[in-house]
C-alpha atoms as a PDB file:
ATOM      1  CA  MET A   1     -15.755  -2.112   2.962  1.00  0.00           C
ATOM      2  CA  THR A   2     -13.297  -4.230   5.188  1.00  0.00           C
ATOM      3  CA  ASP A   3     -16.140  -5.783   7.029  1.00  0.00           C
ATOM      4  CA  VAL A   4     -18.011  -6.850   3.665  1.00  0.00           C
ATOM      5  CA  LEU A   5     -14.844  -8.411   2.273  1.00  0.00           C
ATOM      6  CA  ALA A   6     -14.029 -10.484   5.453  1.00  0.00           C
ATOM      7  CA  ALA A   7     -18.019 -11.994   5.179  1.00  0.00           C
ATOM      8  CA  ALA A   8     -17.227 -12.832   1.590  1.00  0.00           C
ATOM      9  CA  GLU A   9     -14.072 -14.419   2.269  1.00  0.00           C
ATOM     10  CA  ALA A  10     -15.743 -16.338   5.152  1.00  0.00           C
ATOM     11  CA  ALA A  11     -18.776 -17.418   2.653  1.00  0.00           C
ATOM     12  CA  GLU A  12     -15.809 -18.549   0.136  1.00  0.00           C
ATOM     13  CA  ARG A  13     -14.471 -20.654   2.888  1.00  0.00           C
ATOM     14  CA  VAL A  14     -17.777 -22.400   4.131  1.00  0.00           C
ATOM     15  CA  ALA A  15     -18.379 -23.092   0.295  1.00  0.00           C
ATOM     16  CA  MET A  16     -14.811 -24.738   0.094  1.00  0.00           C
ATOM     17  CA  GLY A  17     -15.411 -27.235   3.238  1.00  0.00           C
ATOM     18  CA  PRO A  18     -13.373 -28.406   6.244  1.00  0.00           C
ATOM     19  CA  LYS A  19     -10.521 -30.012   4.073  1.00  0.00           C
ATOM     20  CA  VAL A  20      -9.048 -26.636   3.246  1.00  0.00           C
ATOM     21  CA  TYR A  21      -8.286 -25.468   6.921  1.00  0.00           C
ATOM     22  CA  SER A  22      -5.057 -26.079   8.518  1.00  0.00           C
ATOM     23  CA  THR A  23      -3.148 -24.612  11.464  1.00  0.00           C
ATOM     24  CA  GLN A  24       0.699 -23.857  12.150  1.00  0.00           C
ATOM     25  CA  ALA A  25       0.469 -26.719  14.918  1.00  0.00           C
ATOM     26  CA  GLN A  26      -0.353 -29.533  12.354  1.00  0.00           C
ATOM     27  CA  ASP A  27       2.468 -31.479  10.591  1.00  0.00           C
ATOM     28  CA  ALA A  28       3.796 -30.187   7.334  1.00  0.00           C
ATOM     29  CA  LYS A  29       2.005 -33.013   5.333  1.00  0.00           C
ATOM     30  CA  THR A  30      -1.330 -32.052   6.634  1.00  0.00           C
ATOM     31  CA  ARG A  31      -0.850 -28.567   5.668  1.00  0.00           C
ATOM     32  CA  ARG A  32       0.197 -29.417   2.325  1.00  0.00           C
ATOM     33  CA  ALA A  33      -2.811 -31.534   1.825  1.00  0.00           C
ATOM     34  CA  ALA A  34      -4.932 -28.406   2.921  1.00  0.00           C
ATOM     35  CA  GLU A  35      -3.381 -26.431   0.337  1.00  0.00           C
ATOM     36  CA  ILE A  36      -4.062 -28.709  -2.303  1.00  0.00           C
ATOM     37  CA  ALA A  37      -7.642 -28.982  -0.919  1.00  0.00           C
ATOM     38  CA  TYR A  38      -7.908 -25.452  -1.129  1.00  0.00           C
ATOM     39  CA  ARG A  39      -6.759 -25.171  -4.800  1.00  0.00           C
ATOM     40  CA  LYS A  40      -9.054 -27.823  -5.730  1.00  0.00           C
ATOM     41  CA  ALA A  41     -12.024 -26.143  -4.098  1.00  0.00           C
ATOM     42  CA  LYS A  42     -11.425 -22.906  -5.639  1.00  0.00           C
ATOM     43  CA  ALA A  43     -11.962 -24.901  -9.093  1.00  0.00           C
ATOM     44  CA  ARG A  44     -15.173 -26.181  -8.301  1.00  0.00           C
ATOM     45  CA  PRO A  45     -18.287 -24.510  -9.900  1.00  0.00           C
ATOM     46  CA  ALA A  46     -20.105 -24.048  -6.540  1.00  0.00           C
ATOM     47  CA  VAL A  47     -17.181 -22.107  -5.090  1.00  0.00           C
ATOM     48  CA  ARG A  48     -16.498 -19.807  -8.515  1.00  0.00           C
ATOM     49  CA  PRO A  49     -19.041 -17.282  -7.746  1.00  0.00           C
ATOM     50  CA  TRP A  50     -17.938 -16.679  -4.167  1.00  0.00           C
ATOM     51  CA  THR A  51     -14.388 -16.392  -5.402  1.00  0.00           C
ATOM     52  CA  ASP A  52     -15.509 -13.872  -8.128  1.00  0.00           C
ATOM     53  CA  GLU A  53     -17.429 -11.999  -5.360  1.00  0.00           C
ATOM     54  CA  VAL A  54     -14.176 -11.824  -3.420  1.00  0.00           C
ATOM     55  CA  ASP A  55     -12.136 -10.537  -6.347  1.00  0.00           C
ATOM     56  CA  ARG A  56     -14.501  -8.032  -7.308  1.00  0.00           C
ATOM     57  CA  LEU A  57     -14.620  -6.572  -3.656  1.00  0.00           C
ATOM     58  CA  ARG A  58     -10.857  -6.470  -3.631  1.00  0.00           C
ATOM     59  CA  THR A  59     -10.619  -4.737  -6.811  1.00  0.00           C
ATOM     60  CA  ALA A  60     -13.245  -2.190  -5.587  1.00  0.00           C
ATOM     61  CA  ARG A  61     -11.517  -1.741  -2.346  1.00  0.00           C
ATOM     62  CA  GLU A  62      -7.854  -0.916  -3.714  1.00  0.00           C
ATOM     63  CA  ALA A  63      -9.470   1.200  -6.228  1.00  0.00           C
ATOM     64  CA  HIS A  64     -11.004   3.086  -3.460  1.00  0.00           C
ATOM     65  CA  ARG A  65      -7.661   3.213  -1.295  1.00  0.00           C
ATOM     66  CA  LEU A  66      -5.989   4.319  -4.543  1.00  0.00           C
ATOM     67  CA  SER A  67      -8.267   7.317  -5.427  1.00  0.00           C
ATOM     68  CA  PHE A  68      -8.040   8.728  -2.096  1.00  0.00           C
ATOM     69  CA  ARG A  69      -5.079  11.612  -2.371  1.00  0.00           C
ATOM     70  CA  THR A  70      -3.401  13.131   0.219  1.00  0.00           C
ATOM     71  CA  ARG A  71      -1.864  16.745   0.426  1.00  0.00           C
ATOM     72  CA  PRO A  72       1.780  17.046   0.899  1.00  0.00           C
ATOM     73  CA  ALA A  73       2.959  17.471   4.434  1.00  0.00           C
ATOM     74  CA  ALA A  74       5.617  20.120   3.673  1.00  0.00           C
ATOM     75  CA  SER A  75       5.066  23.391   1.690  1.00  0.00           C
ATOM     76  CA  VAL A  76       6.768  23.664  -1.444  1.00  0.00           C
ATOM     77  CA  GLU A  77       8.746  27.170  -1.700  1.00  0.00           C
ATOM     78  CA  PRO A  78       9.631  28.724  -5.216  1.00  0.00           C
ATOM     79  CA  PRO A  79      13.288  28.248  -6.493  1.00  0.00           C
ATOM     80  CA  PRO A  80      15.378  31.018  -4.857  1.00  0.00           C
ATOM     81  CA  THR A  81      16.321  34.074  -6.789  1.00  0.00           C
ATOM     82  CA  ARG A  82      20.410  34.813  -7.334  1.00  0.00           C
ATOM     83  CA  GLY A  83      20.382  37.190  -4.473  1.00  0.00           C
ATOM     84  CA  ASP A  84      18.584  34.796  -2.005  1.00  0.00           C
ATOM     85  CA  THR A  85      21.417  32.366  -1.562  1.00  0.00           C
ATOM     86  CA  ALA A  86      22.862  33.791   1.490  1.00  0.00           C
ATOM     87  CA  SER A  87      21.581  33.196   4.670  1.00  0.00           C
ATOM     88  CA  PRO A  88      19.999  36.432   6.863  1.00  0.00           C
ATOM     89  CA  GLY A  89      23.095  36.611   9.152  1.00  0.00           C
ATOM     90  CA  GLY A  90      25.438  37.180   6.010  1.00  0.00           C
ATOM     91  CA  THR A  91      27.641  34.157   6.637  1.00  0.00           C
ATOM     92  CA  GLY A  92      27.873  33.145   3.050  1.00  0.00           C
ATOM     93  CA  HIS A  93      26.322  29.775   3.317  1.00  0.00           C
ATOM     94  CA  ARG A  94      23.599  28.942   1.111  1.00  0.00           C
ATOM     95  CA  THR A  95      20.030  28.458   2.499  1.00  0.00           C
ATOM     96  CA  LEU A  96      18.858  24.704   3.304  1.00  0.00           C
ATOM     97  CA  ARG A  97      15.215  24.336   1.919  1.00  0.00           C
ATOM     98  CA  VAL A  98      12.809  21.377   1.992  1.00  0.00           C
ATOM     99  CA  CYS A  99      13.251  19.617  -1.346  1.00  0.00           C
ATOM    100  CA  PRO A 100       9.920  19.275  -3.233  1.00  0.00           C
ATOM    101  CA  LEU A 101      10.693  15.768  -4.437  1.00  0.00           C
ATOM    102  CA  TRP A 102      11.789  13.981  -1.229  1.00  0.00           C
ATOM    103  CA  GLY A 103      10.373  16.576   1.291  1.00  0.00           C
ATOM    104  CA  THR A 104      13.735  15.867   3.739  1.00  0.00           C
ATOM    105  CA  PRO A 105      14.120  19.157   5.845  1.00  0.00           C
ATOM    106  CA  GLY A 106      17.791  20.090   5.976  1.00  0.00           C
ATOM    107  CA  VAL A 107      18.822  18.835   2.647  1.00  0.00           C
ATOM    108  CA  PRO A 108      19.579  21.356   0.019  1.00  0.00           C
ATOM    109  CA  ALA A 109      16.835  21.236  -3.107  1.00  0.00           C
ATOM    110  CA  PRO A 110      18.574  20.372  -6.163  1.00  0.00           C
ATOM    111  CA  HIS A 111      17.400  23.473  -7.848  1.00  0.00           C
ATOM    112  CA  VAL A 112      19.143  25.378  -5.295  1.00  0.00           C
ATOM    113  CA  ALA A 113      22.435  26.891  -6.759  1.00  0.00           C
ATOM    114  CA  PRO A 114      25.707  26.509  -4.501  1.00  0.00           C
ATOM    115  CA  ALA A 115      26.878  30.003  -3.031  1.00  0.00           C
END
């Protein structure tokens, strides 16, 4: 998808012409003239179909990226019962669990009652 988008952007730049190109080595006046030429070129009817195709491909790429769902890295444990607040050694400290919202190890989950 990225290669197709790069090819469509290249075709759009070819349709715009050489006046829209500038480099950082050029002076500010030349770069500004290239920016203005770029905006004018995007408004031309000959360039508009290429711009529409690039926009369509970008939308499709973003929709594809957003539709991919990953599984959470940490397993979510159920909330402890009242008798589960002490550590196995019997020191009276509450057990630290991975928070299901933030997934930060070593930080007590907000639903764990203090000992």
